[in-house]
Amino acid sequence: MQFIAPYLSALSTILGLLFFVGIAMWAWSDGRKSANQQSANLPFALPDEYKKD
């Protein structure tokens, strides 16, 4: 097990990095642009009962 542990650690690091890069590319892709724009405006879409008079 001592022989394979460094390789498992390296493999998990590489897989984690690949997943991170893949999710980041998906989140910033052109297909997600409209959904990102809607999400960015959510904090400003407060219901009427929260408006100050």
PDB file of N, CA and C in Angstrom:
ATOM      1  N   MET A   1       0.819  -1.196   0.000  1.00  0.00           N
ATOM      2  CA  MET A   1       0.000   0.000   0.000  1.00  0.00           C
ATOM      3  C   MET A   1       0.864   1.263   0.000  1.00  0.00           C
ATOM      4  N   GLN A   2       2.034   1.197   0.607  1.00  0.00           N
ATOM      5  CA  GLN A   2       2.903   2.369   0.640  1.00  0.00           C
ATOM      6  C   GLN A   2       3.395   2.731  -0.755  1.00  0.00           C
ATOM      7  N   PHE A   3       3.484   1.745  -1.622  1.00  0.00           N
ATOM      8  CA  PHE A   3       3.963   2.002  -2.977  1.00  0.00           C
ATOM      9  C   PHE A   3       2.907   2.716  -3.825  1.00  0.00           C
ATOM     10  N   ILE A   4       1.634   2.394  -3.599  1.00  0.00           N
ATOM     11  CA  ILE A   4       0.566   2.926  -4.448  1.00  0.00           C
ATOM     12  C   ILE A   4      -0.031   4.230  -3.906  1.00  0.00           C
ATOM     13  N   ALA A   5       0.172   4.538  -2.648  1.00  0.00           N
ATOM     14  CA  ALA A   5      -0.442   5.723  -2.029  1.00  0.00           C
ATOM     15  C   ALA A   5      -0.061   7.030  -2.726  1.00  0.00           C
ATOM     16  N   PRO A   6       1.189   7.267  -3.065  1.00  0.00           N
ATOM     17  CA  PRO A   6       1.510   8.531  -3.764  1.00  0.00           C
ATOM     18  C   PRO A   6       0.828   8.640  -5.133  1.00  0.00           C
ATOM     19  N   TYR A   7       0.685   7.513  -5.809  1.00  0.00           N
ATOM     20  CA  TYR A   7       0.025   7.534  -7.111  1.00  0.00           C
ATOM     21  C   TYR A   7      -1.468   7.813  -6.969  1.00  0.00           C
ATOM     22  N   LEU A   8      -2.086   7.256  -5.941  1.00  0.00           N
ATOM     23  CA  LEU A   8      -3.498   7.542  -5.695  1.00  0.00           C
ATOM     24  C   LEU A   8      -3.701   9.006  -5.332  1.00  0.00           C
ATOM     25  N   SER A   9      -2.799   9.543  -4.569  1.00  0.00           N
ATOM     26  CA  SER A   9      -2.876  10.954  -4.205  1.00  0.00           C
ATOM     27  C   SER A   9      -2.730  11.839  -5.440  1.00  0.00           C
ATOM     28  N   ALA A  10      -1.776  11.525  -6.286  1.00  0.00           N
ATOM     29  CA  ALA A  10      -1.576  12.302  -7.514  1.00  0.00           C
ATOM     30  C   ALA A  10      -2.777  12.168  -8.440  1.00  0.00           C
ATOM     31  N   LEU A  11      -3.318  10.973  -8.555  1.00  0.00           N
ATOM     32  CA  LEU A  11      -4.476  10.746  -9.410  1.00  0.00           C
ATOM     33  C   LEU A  11      -5.689  11.529  -8.916  1.00  0.00           C
ATOM     34  N   SER A  12      -5.917  11.528  -7.614  1.00  0.00           N
ATOM     35  CA  SER A  12      -7.060  12.269  -7.078  1.00  0.00           C
ATOM     36  C   SER A  12      -6.870  13.776  -7.261  1.00  0.00           C
ATOM     37  N   THR A  13      -5.649  14.255  -7.155  1.00  0.00           N
ATOM     38  CA  THR A  13      -5.379  15.676  -7.387  1.00  0.00           C
ATOM     39  C   THR A  13      -5.644  16.054  -8.838  1.00  0.00           C
ATOM     40  N   ILE A  14      -5.187  15.235  -9.754  1.00  0.00           N
ATOM     41  CA  ILE A  14      -5.397  15.506 -11.181  1.00  0.00           C
ATOM     42  C   ILE A  14      -6.878  15.451 -11.526  1.00  0.00           C
ATOM     43  N   LEU A  15      -7.596  14.452 -11.010  1.00  0.00           N
ATOM     44  CA  LEU A  15      -9.032  14.357 -11.273  1.00  0.00           C
ATOM     45  C   LEU A  15      -9.780  15.552 -10.695  1.00  0.00           C
ATOM     46  N   GLY A  16      -9.413  15.966  -9.504  1.00  0.00           N
ATOM     47  CA  GLY A  16     -10.050  17.137  -8.898  1.00  0.00           C
ATOM     48  C   GLY A  16      -9.812  18.391  -9.709  1.00  0.00           C
ATOM     49  N   LEU A  17      -8.598  18.569 -10.191  1.00  0.00           N
ATOM     50  CA  LEU A  17      -8.272  19.729 -11.022  1.00  0.00           C
ATOM     51  C   LEU A  17      -9.049  19.696 -12.337  1.00  0.00           C
ATOM     52  N   LEU A  18      -9.147  18.519 -12.945  1.00  0.00           N
ATOM     53  CA  LEU A  18      -9.898  18.397 -14.196  1.00  0.00           C
ATOM     54  C   LEU A  18     -11.377  18.702 -13.994  1.00  0.00           C
ATOM     55  N   PHE A  19     -11.953  18.216 -12.895  1.00  0.00           N
ATOM     56  CA  PHE A  19     -13.354  18.517 -12.603  1.00  0.00           C
ATOM     57  C   PHE A  19     -13.549  20.007 -12.365  1.00  0.00           C
ATOM     58  N   PHE A  20     -12.645  20.626 -11.644  1.00  0.00           N
ATOM     59  CA  PHE A  20     -12.743  22.063 -11.381  1.00  0.00           C
ATOM     60  C   PHE A  20     -12.692  22.861 -12.679  1.00  0.00           C
ATOM     61  N   VAL A  21     -11.736  22.546 -13.539  1.00  0.00           N
ATOM     62  CA  VAL A  21     -11.606  23.260 -14.809  1.00  0.00           C
ATOM     63  C   VAL A  21     -12.838  23.015 -15.683  1.00  0.00           C
ATOM     64  N   GLY A  22     -13.344  21.797 -15.680  1.00  0.00           N
ATOM     65  CA  GLY A  22     -14.534  21.485 -16.472  1.00  0.00           C
ATOM     66  C   GLY A  22     -15.757  22.248 -16.001  1.00  0.00           C
ATOM     67  N   ILE A  23     -15.961  22.319 -14.700  1.00  0.00           N
ATOM     68  CA  ILE A  23     -17.101  23.058 -14.162  1.00  0.00           C
ATOM     69  C   ILE A  23     -16.946  24.549 -14.424  1.00  0.00           C
ATOM     70  N   ALA A  24     -15.741  25.072 -14.285  1.00  0.00           N
ATOM     71  CA  ALA A  24     -15.511  26.494 -14.558  1.00  0.00           C
ATOM     72  C   ALA A  24     -15.773  26.810 -16.029  1.00  0.00           C
ATOM     73  N   MET A  25     -15.338  25.947 -16.929  1.00  0.00           N
ATOM     74  CA  MET A  25     -15.593  26.168 -18.355  1.00  0.00           C
ATOM     75  C   MET A  25     -17.086  26.102 -18.650  1.00  0.00           C
ATOM     76  N   TRP A  26     -17.793  25.167 -18.024  1.00  0.00           N
ATOM     77  CA  TRP A  26     -19.237  25.053 -18.223  1.00  0.00           C
ATOM     78  C   TRP A  26     -19.955  26.293 -17.695  1.00  0.00           C
ATOM     79  N   ALA A  27     -19.552  26.766 -16.520  1.00  0.00           N
ATOM     80  CA  ALA A  27     -20.225  27.908 -15.901  1.00  0.00           C
ATOM     81  C   ALA A  27     -20.026  29.185 -16.705  1.00  0.00           C
ATOM     82  N   TRP A  28     -18.884  29.344 -17.352  1.00  0.00           N
ATOM     83  CA  TRP A  28     -18.595  30.565 -18.108  1.00  0.00           C
ATOM     84  C   TRP A  28     -18.838  30.412 -19.602  1.00  0.00           C
ATOM     85  N   SER A  29     -19.476  29.308 -20.020  1.00  0.00           N
ATOM     86  CA  SER A  29     -19.714  29.094 -21.447  1.00  0.00           C
ATOM     87  C   SER A  29     -20.816  30.019 -21.957  1.00  0.00           C
ATOM     88  N   ASP A  30     -20.867  30.193 -23.262  1.00  0.00           N
ATOM     89  CA  ASP A  30     -21.858  31.079 -23.873  1.00  0.00           C
ATOM     90  C   ASP A  30     -23.282  30.569 -23.671  1.00  0.00           C
ATOM     91  N   GLY A  31     -23.470  29.268 -23.577  1.00  0.00           N
ATOM     92  CA  GLY A  31     -24.800  28.704 -23.369  1.00  0.00           C
ATOM     93  C   GLY A  31     -25.391  29.040 -22.008  1.00  0.00           C
ATOM     94  N   ARG A  32     -24.554  29.357 -21.038  1.00  0.00           N
ATOM     95  CA  ARG A  32     -25.021  29.689 -19.689  1.00  0.00           C
ATOM     96  C   ARG A  32     -25.168  31.192 -19.484  1.00  0.00           C
ATOM     97  N   LYS A  33     -24.921  31.985 -20.510  1.00  0.00           N
ATOM     98  CA  LYS A  33     -24.898  33.439 -20.354  1.00  0.00           C
ATOM     99  C   LYS A  33     -26.240  33.988 -19.871  1.00  0.00           C
ATOM    100  N   SER A  34     -27.348  33.527 -20.445  1.00  0.00           N
ATOM    101  CA  SER A  34     -28.652  34.055 -20.038  1.00  0.00           C
ATOM    102  C   SER A  34     -29.005  33.626 -18.618  1.00  0.00           C
ATOM    103  N   ALA A  35     -28.690  32.399 -18.247  1.00  0.00           N
ATOM    104  CA  ALA A  35     -28.963  31.936 -16.882  1.00  0.00           C
ATOM    105  C   ALA A  35     -28.111  32.693 -15.874  1.00  0.00           C
ATOM    106  N   ASN A  36     -26.871  32.978 -16.223  1.00  0.00           N
ATOM    107  CA  ASN A  36     -26.005  33.752 -15.330  1.00  0.00           C
ATOM    108  C   ASN A  36     -26.517  35.175 -15.172  1.00  0.00           C
ATOM    109  N   GLN A  37     -27.037  35.743 -16.245  1.00  0.00           N
ATOM    110  CA  GLN A  37     -27.577  37.103 -16.181  1.00  0.00           C
ATOM    111  C   GLN A  37     -28.814  37.145 -15.286  1.00  0.00           C
ATOM    112  N   GLN A  38     -29.688  36.152 -15.400  1.00  0.00           N
ATOM    113  CA  GLN A  38     -30.875  36.080 -14.546  1.00  0.00           C
ATOM    114  C   GLN A  38     -30.473  35.919 -13.085  1.00  0.00           C
ATOM    115  N   SER A  39     -29.518  35.074 -12.819  1.00  0.00           N
ATOM    116  CA  SER A  39     -29.064  34.851 -11.444  1.00  0.00           C
ATOM    117  C   SER A  39     -28.419  36.097 -10.859  1.00  0.00           C
ATOM    118  N   ALA A  40     -27.729  36.855 -11.684  1.00  0.00           N
ATOM    119  CA  ALA A  40     -27.078  38.073 -11.204  1.00  0.00           C
ATOM    120  C   ALA A  40     -28.098  39.128 -10.798  1.00  0.00           C
ATOM    121  N   ASN A  41     -29.285  39.101 -11.400  1.00  0.00           N
ATOM    122  CA  ASN A  41     -30.310  40.097 -11.099  1.00  0.00           C
ATOM    123  C   ASN A  41     -31.261  39.673  -9.986  1.00  0.00           C
ATOM    124  N   LEU A  42     -31.152  38.458  -9.480  1.00  0.00           N
ATOM    125  CA  LEU A  42     -32.048  37.979  -8.426  1.00  0.00           C
ATOM    126  C   LEU A  42     -32.045  38.843  -7.164  1.00  0.00           C
ATOM    127  N   PRO A  43     -30.925  39.318  -6.669  1.00  0.00           N
ATOM    128  CA  PRO A  43     -30.957  40.134  -5.449  1.00  0.00           C
ATOM    129  C   PRO A  43     -31.731  41.438  -5.617  1.00  0.00           C
ATOM    130  N   PHE A  44     -31.878  41.908  -6.833  1.00  0.00           N
ATOM    131  CA  PHE A  44     -32.569  43.170  -7.071  1.00  0.00           C
ATOM    132  C   PHE A  44     -34.060  42.982  -7.313  1.00  0.00           C
ATOM    133  N   ALA A  45     -34.520  41.753  -7.391  1.00  0.00           N
ATOM    134  CA  ALA A  45     -35.928  41.458  -7.649  1.00  0.00           C
ATOM    135  C   ALA A  45     -36.645  41.149  -6.337  1.00  0.00           C
ATOM    136  N   LEU A  46     -36.652  42.103  -5.424  1.00  0.00           N
ATOM    137  CA  LEU A  46     -37.295  41.900  -4.133  1.00  0.00           C
ATOM    138  C   LEU A  46     -38.802  42.049  -4.266  1.00  0.00           C
ATOM    139  N   PRO A  47     -39.564  41.278  -3.499  1.00  0.00           N
ATOM    140  CA  PRO A  47     -41.016  41.442  -3.510  1.00  0.00           C
ATOM    141  C   PRO A  47     -41.418  42.800  -2.932  1.00  0.00           C
ATOM    142  N   ASP A  48     -42.653  43.205  -3.182  1.00  0.00           N
ATOM    143  CA  ASP A  48     -43.140  44.517  -2.761  1.00  0.00           C
ATOM    144  C   ASP A  48     -43.094  44.721  -1.257  1.00  0.00           C
ATOM    145  N   GLU A  49     -43.323  43.674  -0.461  1.00  0.00           N
ATOM    146  CA  GLU A  49     -43.371  43.862   0.990  1.00  0.00           C
ATOM    147  C   GLU A  49     -42.016  44.224   1.595  1.00  0.00           C
ATOM    148  N   TYR A  50     -40.952  44.098   0.841  1.00  0.00           N
ATOM    149  CA  TYR A  50     -39.634  44.447   1.357  1.00  0.00           C
ATOM    150  C   TYR A  50     -39.164  45.832   0.913  1.00  0.00           C
ATOM    151  N   LYS A  51     -39.971  46.513   0.126  1.00  0.00           N
ATOM    152  CA  LYS A  51     -39.581  47.848  -0.332  1.00  0.00           C
ATOM    153  C   LYS A  51     -39.745  48.860   0.788  1.00  0.00           C
ATOM    154  N   LYS A  52     -38.826  49.796   0.851  1.00  0.00           N
ATOM    155  CA  LYS A  52     -38.935  50.877   1.826  1.00  0.00           C
ATOM    156  C   LYS A  52     -39.863  51.950   1.276  1.00  0.00           C
ATOM    157  N   ASP A  53     -40.666  52.523   2.151  1.00  0.00           N
ATOM    158  CA  ASP A  53     -41.586  53.587   1.726  1.00  0.00           C
ATOM    159  C   ASP A  53     -41.002  54.944   1.964  1.00  0.00           C
TER     160      ASP A  53
END
